[in-house]
Amino acid sequence: MRRWTAGLAMLAVLISGGSVAAQTGKEKPKPPYFASIGAGKARMRSGPGRSYPATWLYVRADLPVRVVDVFKEWRKVEDPGGEQGWMLGNLISSTRTAIVQEAVTELRDRPAFGARVLWRAEPGVVGRVSQCARGWCRFDVRGQVGFVEATRLWGVAPEETLP
């Protein structure tokens, strides 16, 4: 009887989707996609392996990157300056961040041009992005939060929608 019950339980798991990824709802995104550097120090290499020389050492966690290719546990990434190279996948975080580009950017109290300006951020400021829709994103810089035009940020596509 116990074997029969265990067999039914296994059958139920297989029918319901089976894999841990299916059960947790976390699927690996297909490149290209935006992510961020999750470690305080991360080496970019010229190829997908530790034997390739390091081309950059990043010492800025949360810097946004764009993953453009995948090879085993390695990710080919592009940084905001356009540099491309390979990083170990465990150095990359799914946390969405963005960096202010080109000019001082206004963070507003709602996603509209006529909305009240709450903060201003200079080029190079990194923050977390969420609630992107219709060309605006919620931008959080260490607790200073406001809505920013997506075109002013690198790390999110202009018409991308985020929860």
Protein backbone atom coordinates (compact mmCIF):
# COMPACT_ATOMS: atom_id res chain seq x y z
CA MET A 1 0.00 0.00 0.00
CA ARG A 2 2.85 2.42 0.83
CA ARG A 3 4.51 1.84 -2.55
CA TRP A 4 1.23 2.50 -4.31
CA THR A 5 0.73 5.80 -2.40
CA ALA A 6 4.32 6.90 -3.13
CA GLY A 7 3.80 6.04 -6.80
CA LEU A 8 0.63 8.16 -6.95
CA ALA A 9 2.44 11.07 -5.31
CA MET A 10 5.26 10.85 -7.86
CA LEU A 11 2.74 10.66 -10.71
CA ALA A 12 0.99 13.77 -9.36
CA VAL A 13 4.31 15.67 -9.33
CA LEU A 14 5.08 14.62 -12.90
CA ILE A 15 1.63 15.60 -14.15
CA SER A 16 1.70 18.99 -12.38
CA GLY A 17 4.88 20.16 -14.06
CA GLY A 18 7.54 18.17 -12.35
CA SER A 19 10.50 20.51 -12.28
CA VAL A 20 11.45 22.86 -9.49
CA ALA A 21 11.61 25.74 -11.98
CA ALA A 22 8.03 25.07 -13.05
CA GLN A 23 6.88 24.86 -9.44
CA THR A 24 8.58 28.10 -8.37
CA GLY A 25 7.67 29.97 -11.54
CA LYS A 26 11.31 30.98 -12.12
CA GLU A 27 12.38 30.40 -15.68
CA LYS A 28 15.76 31.42 -17.01
CA PRO A 29 15.34 34.40 -19.34
CA LYS A 30 16.67 34.17 -22.87
CA PRO A 31 19.23 36.77 -23.97
CA PRO A 32 19.25 39.62 -24.42
CA TYR A 33 17.93 40.76 -21.04
CA PHE A 34 18.89 43.28 -18.38
CA ALA A 35 20.25 42.26 -15.00
CA SER A 36 22.80 43.67 -12.54
CA ILE A 37 26.12 42.79 -10.97
CA GLY A 38 25.34 41.06 -7.70
CA ALA A 39 28.83 40.96 -6.20
CA GLY A 40 30.97 43.75 -4.75
CA LYS A 41 33.83 42.63 -7.00
CA ALA A 42 33.29 40.98 -10.39
CA ARG A 43 35.77 40.21 -13.13
CA MET A 44 34.87 40.51 -16.78
CA ARG A 45 36.90 38.13 -18.93
CA SER A 46 37.67 37.99 -22.63
CA GLY A 47 36.14 34.50 -22.91
CA PRO A 48 33.87 32.08 -21.02
CA GLY A 49 36.38 30.51 -18.64
CA ARG A 50 38.79 31.30 -15.81
CA SER A 51 41.73 30.70 -18.15
CA TYR A 52 40.78 33.77 -20.23
CA PRO A 53 42.38 37.04 -19.11
CA ALA A 54 40.37 39.51 -17.07
CA THR A 55 39.61 42.67 -19.01
CA TRP A 56 37.77 44.61 -16.28
CA LEU A 57 37.33 44.44 -12.51
CA TYR A 58 33.99 45.90 -11.41
CA VAL A 59 33.78 47.06 -7.80
CA ARG A 60 30.25 48.40 -7.95
CA ALA A 61 27.47 46.01 -6.95
CA ASP A 62 24.08 46.73 -8.56
CA LEU A 63 25.62 48.15 -11.75
CA PRO A 64 23.18 47.28 -14.55
CA VAL A 65 24.35 44.97 -17.31
CA ARG A 66 22.73 43.49 -20.39
CA VAL A 67 23.19 39.73 -20.80
CA VAL A 68 23.71 39.11 -24.52
CA ASP A 69 24.77 35.44 -24.55
CA VAL A 70 25.01 32.36 -22.33
CA PHE A 71 27.57 29.54 -22.37
CA LYS A 72 27.21 26.98 -19.57
CA GLU A 73 27.66 28.89 -16.29
CA TRP A 74 29.08 31.97 -18.05
CA ARG A 75 27.19 35.07 -19.20
CA LYS A 76 28.39 37.46 -21.90
CA VAL A 77 27.43 40.90 -20.65
CA GLU A 78 27.51 44.46 -21.87
CA ASP A 79 28.02 47.28 -19.39
CA PRO A 80 26.56 50.82 -19.65
CA GLY A 81 29.72 51.98 -21.46
CA GLY A 82 29.31 49.36 -24.19
CA GLU A 83 32.14 47.07 -23.03
CA GLN A 84 31.40 43.38 -23.55
CA GLY A 85 32.91 40.33 -21.90
CA TRP A 86 32.16 37.20 -19.92
CA MET A 87 31.25 36.85 -16.23
CA LEU A 88 30.37 33.87 -14.11
CA GLY A 89 26.61 33.55 -13.85
CA ASN A 90 26.66 33.58 -10.04
CA LEU A 91 28.05 37.15 -10.17
CA ILE A 92 24.95 38.31 -12.05
CA SER A 93 21.74 39.15 -10.17
CA SER A 94 18.20 39.22 -11.53
CA THR A 95 17.62 42.44 -9.52
CA ARG A 96 16.70 45.16 -12.00
CA THR A 97 18.75 48.31 -11.72
CA ALA A 98 19.43 51.21 -14.04
CA ILE A 99 21.91 54.05 -14.32
CA VAL A 100 21.10 57.68 -15.14
CA GLN A 101 22.53 58.65 -18.54
CA GLU A 102 23.77 61.91 -20.05
CA ALA A 103 22.02 64.64 -18.01
CA VAL A 104 20.51 65.41 -14.62
CA THR A 105 17.20 63.55 -14.40
CA GLU A 106 14.11 64.50 -12.45
CA LEU A 107 12.36 61.97 -10.22
CA ARG A 108 8.66 62.84 -10.10
CA ASP A 109 5.86 61.92 -7.70
CA ARG A 110 3.90 60.19 -10.47
CA PRO A 111 4.62 59.06 -14.04
CA ALA A 112 3.75 62.28 -15.88
CA PHE A 113 5.65 65.29 -17.24
CA GLY A 114 3.54 67.73 -15.22
CA ALA A 115 4.05 65.86 -11.94
CA ARG A 116 5.85 67.44 -9.02
CA VAL A 117 9.65 66.98 -8.99
CA LEU A 118 10.76 65.19 -5.81
CA TRP A 119 14.46 64.62 -6.48
CA ARG A 120 17.13 65.11 -9.12
CA ALA A 121 19.76 62.51 -10.00
CA GLU A 122 23.04 63.15 -11.79
CA PRO A 123 24.49 60.98 -14.55
CA GLY A 124 26.05 57.84 -13.10
CA VAL A 125 23.55 57.43 -10.28
CA VAL A 126 22.39 53.81 -9.96
CA GLY A 127 19.00 52.80 -8.58
CA ARG A 128 16.52 49.95 -8.63
CA VAL A 129 13.76 50.02 -11.22
CA SER A 130 10.23 48.67 -11.01
CA GLN A 131 6.71 49.50 -12.15
CA CYS A 132 7.75 50.41 -15.68
CA ALA A 133 4.91 51.20 -18.07
CA ARG A 134 4.19 53.65 -20.88
CA GLY A 135 7.77 55.00 -20.91
CA TRP A 136 8.10 55.66 -17.16
CA CYS A 137 9.78 53.66 -14.37
CA ARG A 138 9.74 53.84 -10.60
CA PHE A 139 13.38 54.56 -9.67
CA ASP A 140 14.63 53.96 -6.12
CA VAL A 141 18.01 55.39 -5.12
CA ARG A 142 18.55 54.22 -1.54
CA GLY A 143 15.06 55.19 -0.41
CA GLN A 144 14.69 58.33 -2.54
CA VAL A 145 11.96 57.22 -4.90
CA GLY A 146 10.31 58.80 -7.89
CA PHE A 147 9.23 58.18 -11.46
CA VAL A 148 11.72 58.72 -14.29
CA GLU A 149 11.36 58.64 -18.06
CA ALA A 150 12.72 55.27 -19.19
CA THR A 151 14.68 56.95 -22.01
CA ARG A 152 16.82 58.70 -19.37
CA LEU A 153 18.01 55.36 -17.96
CA TRP A 154 20.31 52.59 -19.15
CA GLY A 155 19.11 49.23 -17.85
CA VAL A 156 15.54 49.24 -19.08
CA ALA A 157 14.10 49.29 -22.59
CA PRO A 158 12.03 52.43 -23.38
CA GLU A 159 8.75 50.54 -23.83
CA GLU A 160 9.43 47.72 -21.38
CA THR A 161 6.79 46.82 -18.80
CA LEU A 162 7.85 45.70 -15.31
CA PRO A 163 5.67 44.81 -12.34
